Amino acid sequence: ALYPAIRDGRGRVTVTLSLADAGWELVRVEPGDTSQRLFALALDIGTTTLEMELLHLPDGAVLSRAGCFNGQCAVGDNILDRIFYAKDEPEHLRQELVLESIRGLIAQCCEQADVRPEEIAALGAAGNTTMMHLLLGCEPWQIFQSPYTPVFLDPGVHSARELGLSLDCNIFCMPAVANYLGGDITSGLLLTDLDARDDP
């Protein structure tokens, strides 16, 4: 894609970089100056519902919002139901159920804001520890059973395409602190700036 972009942009291109676990990754090259067409998605993966916002990165404006029920509700209404459903049954992890919900939200947000999915530069995802395990197809049983040690606390950064989403960007997953103190709580705490304040 590099040579055609340089040719079409007469030597001027816009390069989109995304921070990954191993450093910066080049995710897109476009002809000309497209820096004002830079967008991100913010996703809250709740046990019952998912909420998404599409953001214009140059100014932080929220351009669209969408929500839906978590597709995993089909196999259990609450976290414990889903943990027991997946126990010792890898095919029961049901990663595809939540991914289908996320795909629908991406389509809705992009359509509302007249943004093409390929213009999305990042997706930030937060959820409780179990929801993040199920998103990434990891066995959540140890979250429930003593000694309550999840497979991971910091899910890290993942390629959207590797997870089955039609986005040319990385997914930044908010880290958890403990099995029942997940990325949904840590993202909320960061938003309050409590870590930078001296007062109680």
C-alpha atoms as a PDB file:
ATOM      1  CA  ALA A   1       0.000   0.000   0.000  1.00  0.00           C
ATOM      2  CA  LEU A   2       2.958   2.363   0.514  1.00  0.00           C
ATOM      3  CA  TYR A   3       3.943   2.998  -3.109  1.00  0.00           C
ATOM      4  CA  PRO A   4       0.412   3.765  -4.392  1.00  0.00           C
ATOM      5  CA  ALA A   5      -0.180   6.090  -1.407  1.00  0.00           C
ATOM      6  CA  ILE A   6       3.052   8.008  -2.110  1.00  0.00           C
ATOM      7  CA  ARG A   7       2.178   8.247  -5.795  1.00  0.00           C
ATOM      8  CA  ASP A   8      -1.450   9.316  -5.194  1.00  0.00           C
ATOM      9  CA  GLY A   9      -0.410  11.826  -2.530  1.00  0.00           C
ATOM     10  CA  ARG A  10       2.445  13.200  -4.691  1.00  0.00           C
ATOM     11  CA  GLY A  11       4.958  12.360  -2.023  1.00  0.00           C
ATOM     12  CA  ARG A  12       2.808  13.385   0.953  1.00  0.00           C
ATOM     13  CA  VAL A  13       1.234  10.666   3.072  1.00  0.00           C
ATOM     14  CA  THR A  14      -0.395  10.279   6.462  1.00  0.00           C
ATOM     15  CA  VAL A  15       0.871   7.366   8.525  1.00  0.00           C
ATOM     16  CA  THR A  16      -1.148   5.979  11.430  1.00  0.00           C
ATOM     17  CA  LEU A  17       0.845   4.321  14.201  1.00  0.00           C
ATOM     18  CA  SER A  18      -0.581   2.200  16.995  1.00  0.00           C
ATOM     19  CA  LEU A  19       1.149   1.316  20.234  1.00  0.00           C
ATOM     20  CA  ALA A  20       1.505  -2.462  20.609  1.00  0.00           C
ATOM     21  CA  ASP A  21       3.164  -4.691  23.201  1.00  0.00           C
ATOM     22  CA  ALA A  22       6.456  -4.643  21.257  1.00  0.00           C
ATOM     23  CA  GLY A  23       6.428  -0.910  20.418  1.00  0.00           C
ATOM     24  CA  TRP A  24       4.859   1.156  17.655  1.00  0.00           C
ATOM     25  CA  GLU A  25       3.149  -0.551  14.707  1.00  0.00           C
ATOM     26  CA  LEU A  26       2.321   1.036  11.388  1.00  0.00           C
ATOM     27  CA  VAL A  27      -1.363   0.237  10.789  1.00  0.00           C
ATOM     28  CA  ARG A  28      -2.273   2.506   7.856  1.00  0.00           C
ATOM     29  CA  VAL A  29      -0.718   4.682   5.130  1.00  0.00           C
ATOM     30  CA  GLU A  30      -2.947   7.116   3.214  1.00  0.00           C
ATOM     31  CA  PRO A  31      -2.217   9.646   0.466  1.00  0.00           C
ATOM     32  CA  GLY A  32      -2.240  13.320   1.452  1.00  0.00           C
ATOM     33  CA  ASP A  33      -3.095  14.788   4.854  1.00  0.00           C
ATOM     34  CA  THR A  34      -5.895  12.779   6.443  1.00  0.00           C
ATOM     35  CA  SER A  35      -4.947  13.615  10.039  1.00  0.00           C
ATOM     36  CA  GLN A  36      -8.407  15.070  10.729  1.00  0.00           C
ATOM     37  CA  ARG A  37      -9.978  11.708   9.873  1.00  0.00           C
ATOM     38  CA  LEU A  38      -8.621   9.945  12.948  1.00  0.00           C
ATOM     39  CA  PHE A  39     -11.089   8.067  15.137  1.00  0.00           C
ATOM     40  CA  ALA A  40     -11.227   5.656  18.061  1.00  0.00           C
ATOM     41  CA  LEU A  41     -13.829   3.463  19.704  1.00  0.00           C
ATOM     42  CA  ALA A  42     -14.383   3.142  23.457  1.00  0.00           C
ATOM     43  CA  LEU A  43     -16.115  -0.060  24.566  1.00  0.00           C
ATOM     44  CA  ASP A  44     -17.580  -1.059  27.927  1.00  0.00           C
ATOM     45  CA  ILE A  45     -18.138  -4.820  28.024  1.00  0.00           C
ATOM     46  CA  GLY A  46     -20.738  -5.329  30.715  1.00  0.00           C
ATOM     47  CA  THR A  47     -22.137  -8.651  31.828  1.00  0.00           C
ATOM     48  CA  THR A  48     -25.608  -7.673  30.616  1.00  0.00           C
ATOM     49  CA  THR A  49     -25.034  -4.838  28.147  1.00  0.00           C
ATOM     50  CA  LEU A  50     -22.300  -3.416  25.932  1.00  0.00           C
ATOM     51  CA  GLU A  51     -21.898   0.329  25.352  1.00  0.00           C
ATOM     52  CA  MET A  52     -19.717   1.941  22.680  1.00  0.00           C
ATOM     53  CA  GLU A  53     -18.723   5.481  21.732  1.00  0.00           C
ATOM     54  CA  LEU A  54     -16.975   6.654  18.575  1.00  0.00           C
ATOM     55  CA  LEU A  55     -14.510   9.486  19.230  1.00  0.00           C
ATOM     56  CA  HIS A  56     -12.846  12.049  16.963  1.00  0.00           C
ATOM     57  CA  LEU A  57      -9.262  11.876  18.247  1.00  0.00           C
ATOM     58  CA  PRO A  58      -8.010  15.358  17.205  1.00  0.00           C
ATOM     59  CA  ASP A  59     -10.478  17.061  19.575  1.00  0.00           C
ATOM     60  CA  GLY A  60     -11.923  14.213  21.687  1.00  0.00           C
ATOM     61  CA  ALA A  61     -15.507  14.827  20.537  1.00  0.00           C
ATOM     62  CA  VAL A  62     -17.992  11.979  20.892  1.00  0.00           C
ATOM     63  CA  LEU A  63     -19.537  11.521  17.433  1.00  0.00           C
ATOM     64  CA  SER A  64     -21.883   8.601  18.092  1.00  0.00           C
ATOM     65  CA  ARG A  65     -23.019   6.099  20.724  1.00  0.00           C
ATOM     66  CA  ALA A  66     -24.631   2.661  20.614  1.00  0.00           C
ATOM     67  CA  GLY A  67     -25.555  -0.063  23.071  1.00  0.00           C
ATOM     68  CA  CYS A  68     -26.882  -3.614  23.012  1.00  0.00           C
ATOM     69  CA  PHE A  69     -27.354  -6.696  25.152  1.00  0.00           C
ATOM     70  CA  ASN A  70     -24.273  -8.866  25.571  1.00  0.00           C
ATOM     71  CA  GLY A  71     -24.729 -11.866  23.258  1.00  0.00           C
ATOM     72  CA  GLN A  72     -23.347 -14.083  26.040  1.00  0.00           C
ATOM     73  CA  CYS A  73     -26.651 -13.663  27.905  1.00  0.00           C
ATOM     74  CA  ALA A  74     -27.824 -16.582  25.740  1.00  0.00           C
ATOM     75  CA  VAL A  75     -25.734 -18.960  27.880  1.00  0.00           C
ATOM     76  CA  GLY A  76     -26.245 -17.347  31.292  1.00  0.00           C
ATOM     77  CA  ASP A  77     -27.600 -14.175  32.844  1.00  0.00           C
ATOM     78  CA  ASN A  78     -24.722 -13.580  35.246  1.00  0.00           C
ATOM     79  CA  ILE A  79     -20.970 -14.039  35.557  1.00  0.00           C
ATOM     80  CA  LEU A  80     -21.145 -17.250  37.611  1.00  0.00           C
ATOM     81  CA  ASP A  81     -23.477 -18.909  35.093  1.00  0.00           C
ATOM     82  CA  ARG A  82     -20.977 -18.176  32.332  1.00  0.00           C
ATOM     83  CA  ILE A  83     -17.982 -19.340  34.374  1.00  0.00           C
ATOM     84  CA  PHE A  84     -19.713 -22.660  35.131  1.00  0.00           C
ATOM     85  CA  TYR A  85     -20.872 -22.984  31.517  1.00  0.00           C
ATOM     86  CA  ALA A  86     -17.298 -22.653  30.247  1.00  0.00           C
ATOM     87  CA  LYS A  87     -15.684 -24.907  32.876  1.00  0.00           C
ATOM     88  CA  ASP A  88     -13.701 -27.707  31.205  1.00  0.00           C
ATOM     89  CA  GLU A  89     -15.522 -27.036  27.927  1.00  0.00           C
ATOM     90  CA  PRO A  90     -13.310 -24.926  25.612  1.00  0.00           C
ATOM     91  CA  GLU A  91     -16.048 -24.800  22.990  1.00  0.00           C
ATOM     92  CA  HIS A  92     -18.304 -23.194  25.613  1.00  0.00           C
ATOM     93  CA  LEU A  93     -16.134 -20.104  26.032  1.00  0.00           C
ATOM     94  CA  ARG A  94     -18.524 -18.460  23.529  1.00  0.00           C
ATOM     95  CA  GLN A  95     -16.093 -15.774  22.421  1.00  0.00           C
ATOM     96  CA  GLU A  96     -18.072 -15.444  19.184  1.00  0.00           C
ATOM     97  CA  LEU A  97     -21.228 -14.347  21.029  1.00  0.00           C
ATOM     98  CA  VAL A  98     -19.606 -11.206  22.430  1.00  0.00           C
ATOM     99  CA  LEU A  99     -17.704 -10.538  19.205  1.00  0.00           C
ATOM    100  CA  GLU A 100     -20.962 -10.557  17.249  1.00  0.00           C
ATOM    101  CA  SER A 101     -22.362  -7.961  19.662  1.00  0.00           C
ATOM    102  CA  ILE A 102     -19.239  -5.821  19.230  1.00  0.00           C
ATOM    103  CA  ARG A 103     -19.435  -6.061  15.429  1.00  0.00           C
ATOM    104  CA  GLY A 104     -22.990  -4.757  15.539  1.00  0.00           C
ATOM    105  CA  LEU A 105     -21.991  -1.786  17.713  1.00  0.00           C
ATOM    106  CA  ILE A 106     -19.085  -0.906  15.412  1.00  0.00           C
ATOM    107  CA  ALA A 107     -21.424  -0.892  12.424  1.00  0.00           C
ATOM    108  CA  GLN A 108     -23.986   1.287  14.225  1.00  0.00           C
ATOM    109  CA  CYS A 109     -21.442   3.835  15.499  1.00  0.00           C
ATOM    110  CA  CYS A 110     -19.703   4.129  12.136  1.00  0.00           C
ATOM    111  CA  GLU A 111     -22.970   4.517  10.245  1.00  0.00           C
ATOM    112  CA  GLN A 112     -24.268   7.216  12.633  1.00  0.00           C
ATOM    113  CA  ALA A 113     -21.045   9.250  12.349  1.00  0.00           C
ATOM    114  CA  ASP A 114     -20.375   8.591   8.637  1.00  0.00           C
ATOM    115  CA  VAL A 115     -17.001   7.031   9.478  1.00  0.00           C
ATOM    116  CA  ARG A 116     -15.488   4.075   7.640  1.00  0.00           C
ATOM    117  CA  PRO A 117     -14.299   1.206   9.878  1.00  0.00           C
ATOM    118  CA  GLU A 118     -10.827   1.447   8.289  1.00  0.00           C
ATOM    119  CA  GLU A 119     -10.529   4.985   9.713  1.00  0.00           C
ATOM    120  CA  ILE A 120     -10.653   3.655  13.293  1.00  0.00           C
ATOM    121  CA  ALA A 121      -7.145   3.945  14.761  1.00  0.00           C
ATOM    122  CA  ALA A 122      -7.743   2.327  18.158  1.00  0.00           C
ATOM    123  CA  LEU A 123     -10.310   0.490  20.224  1.00  0.00           C
ATOM    124  CA  GLY A 124     -10.194   0.778  24.012  1.00  0.00           C
ATOM    125  CA  ALA A 125     -12.053  -1.988  25.879  1.00  0.00           C
ATOM    126  CA  ALA A 126     -12.886  -2.282  29.562  1.00  0.00           C
ATOM    127  CA  GLY A 127     -14.852  -4.907  31.416  1.00  0.00           C
ATOM    128  CA  ASN A 128     -14.785  -7.008  34.534  1.00  0.00           C
ATOM    129  CA  THR A 129     -12.124  -9.684  34.730  1.00  0.00           C
ATOM    130  CA  THR A 130     -14.427 -12.500  33.596  1.00  0.00           C
ATOM    131  CA  MET A 131     -15.746 -10.548  30.602  1.00  0.00           C
ATOM    132  CA  MET A 132     -12.190  -9.826  29.440  1.00  0.00           C
ATOM    133  CA  HIS A 133     -11.288 -13.518  29.753  1.00  0.00           C
ATOM    134  CA  LEU A 134     -14.294 -14.485  27.649  1.00  0.00           C
ATOM    135  CA  LEU A 135     -13.517 -11.758  25.085  1.00  0.00           C
ATOM    136  CA  LEU A 136     -10.042 -13.218  24.603  1.00  0.00           C
ATOM    137  CA  GLY A 137     -11.184 -16.850  24.738  1.00  0.00           C
ATOM    138  CA  CYS A 138      -9.461 -17.646  28.056  1.00  0.00           C
ATOM    139  CA  GLU A 139     -10.754 -20.075  30.678  1.00  0.00           C
ATOM    140  CA  PRO A 140     -12.274 -17.995  33.547  1.00  0.00           C
ATOM    141  CA  TRP A 141     -12.681 -20.810  36.124  1.00  0.00           C
ATOM    142  CA  GLN A 142      -9.713 -19.759  38.282  1.00  0.00           C
ATOM    143  CA  ILE A 143     -11.337 -16.362  38.857  1.00  0.00           C
ATOM    144  CA  PHE A 144     -14.017 -18.189  40.853  1.00  0.00           C
ATOM    145  CA  GLN A 145     -12.049 -21.009  42.477  1.00  0.00           C
ATOM    146  CA  SER A 146      -9.443 -20.663  45.257  1.00  0.00           C
ATOM    147  CA  PRO A 147      -6.767 -19.268  45.084  1.00  0.00           C
ATOM    148  CA  TYR A 148      -8.700 -16.892  42.773  1.00  0.00           C
ATOM    149  CA  THR A 149      -5.928 -16.321  40.251  1.00  0.00           C
ATOM    150  CA  PRO A 150      -7.066 -15.197  36.793  1.00  0.00           C
ATOM    151  CA  VAL A 151      -5.140 -16.267  33.694  1.00  0.00           C
ATOM    152  CA  PHE A 152      -4.131 -12.590  33.405  1.00  0.00           C
ATOM    153  CA  LEU A 153      -4.685  -9.262  35.123  1.00  0.00           C
ATOM    154  CA  ASP A 154      -3.295  -7.159  32.291  1.00  0.00           C
ATOM    155  CA  PRO A 155      -4.775  -8.423  29.001  1.00  0.00           C
ATOM    156  CA  GLY A 156      -2.439  -6.157  27.023  1.00  0.00           C
ATOM    157  CA  VAL A 157      -2.840  -5.058  23.423  1.00  0.00           C
ATOM    158  CA  HIS A 158      -4.289  -7.263  20.694  1.00  0.00           C
ATOM    159  CA  SER A 159      -4.857  -7.007  16.975  1.00  0.00           C
ATOM    160  CA  ALA A 160      -8.522  -6.396  16.163  1.00  0.00           C
ATOM    161  CA  ARG A 161      -8.241  -8.623  13.092  1.00  0.00           C
ATOM    162  CA  GLU A 162      -6.771 -11.500  15.129  1.00  0.00           C
ATOM    163  CA  LEU A 163      -9.847 -11.326  17.364  1.00  0.00           C
ATOM    164  CA  GLY A 164     -12.143 -11.428  14.350  1.00  0.00           C
ATOM    165  CA  LEU A 165     -13.107  -7.760  14.057  1.00  0.00           C
ATOM    166  CA  SER A 166     -12.956  -5.912  10.736  1.00  0.00           C
ATOM    167  CA  LEU A 167     -10.744  -3.092  12.023  1.00  0.00           C
ATOM    168  CA  ASP A 168      -7.145  -2.281  11.058  1.00  0.00           C
ATOM    169  CA  CYS A 169      -6.106  -1.266  14.561  1.00  0.00           C
ATOM    170  CA  ASN A 170      -5.173  -2.620  17.945  1.00  0.00           C
ATOM    171  CA  ILE A 171      -7.456  -3.224  20.917  1.00  0.00           C
ATOM    172  CA  PHE A 172      -6.215  -1.784  24.208  1.00  0.00           C
ATOM    173  CA  CYS A 173      -7.658  -3.827  27.090  1.00  0.00           C
ATOM    174  CA  MET A 174      -7.794  -2.122  30.471  1.00  0.00           C
ATOM    175  CA  PRO A 175      -5.926  -4.048  33.191  1.00  0.00           C
ATOM    176  CA  ALA A 176      -7.555  -5.476  36.298  1.00  0.00           C
ATOM    177  CA  VAL A 177      -6.257  -5.252  39.854  1.00  0.00           C
ATOM    178  CA  ALA A 178      -7.751  -8.544  41.091  1.00  0.00           C
ATOM    179  CA  ASN A 179     -10.253 -11.210  40.132  1.00  0.00           C
ATOM    180  CA  TYR A 180     -13.247  -9.066  41.165  1.00  0.00           C
ATOM    181  CA  LEU A 181     -11.653  -5.677  40.594  1.00  0.00           C
ATOM    182  CA  GLY A 182     -11.525  -5.504  36.827  1.00  0.00           C
ATOM    183  CA  GLY A 183     -10.660  -3.116  34.040  1.00  0.00           C
ATOM    184  CA  ASP A 184     -14.094  -1.520  34.253  1.00  0.00           C
ATOM    185  CA  ILE A 185     -13.253  -0.288  37.766  1.00  0.00           C
ATOM    186  CA  THR A 186      -9.664   0.730  36.967  1.00  0.00           C
ATOM    187  CA  SER A 187     -10.790   2.769  33.948  1.00  0.00           C
ATOM    188  CA  GLY A 188     -13.371   4.540  36.105  1.00  0.00           C
ATOM    189  CA  LEU A 189     -10.762   5.286  38.779  1.00  0.00           C
ATOM    190  CA  LEU A 190      -8.366   6.714  36.177  1.00  0.00           C
ATOM    191  CA  LEU A 191     -11.116   8.996  34.885  1.00  0.00           C
ATOM    192  CA  THR A 192     -11.542  10.507  38.367  1.00  0.00           C
ATOM    193  CA  ASP A 193      -7.792  11.390  38.607  1.00  0.00           C
ATOM    194  CA  LEU A 194      -7.750   9.890  42.124  1.00  0.00           C
ATOM    195  CA  ASP A 195      -4.202   8.650  41.490  1.00  0.00           C
ATOM    196  CA  ALA A 196      -2.984  12.254  41.052  1.00  0.00           C
ATOM    197  CA  ARG A 197      -4.764  13.865  44.021  1.00  0.00           C
ATOM    198  CA  ASP A 198      -3.455  14.476  47.535  1.00  0.00           C
ATOM    199  CA  ASP A 199      -6.815  15.016  49.236  1.00  0.00           C
ATOM    200  CA  PRO A 200      -8.884  12.094  50.522  1.00  0.00           C
END
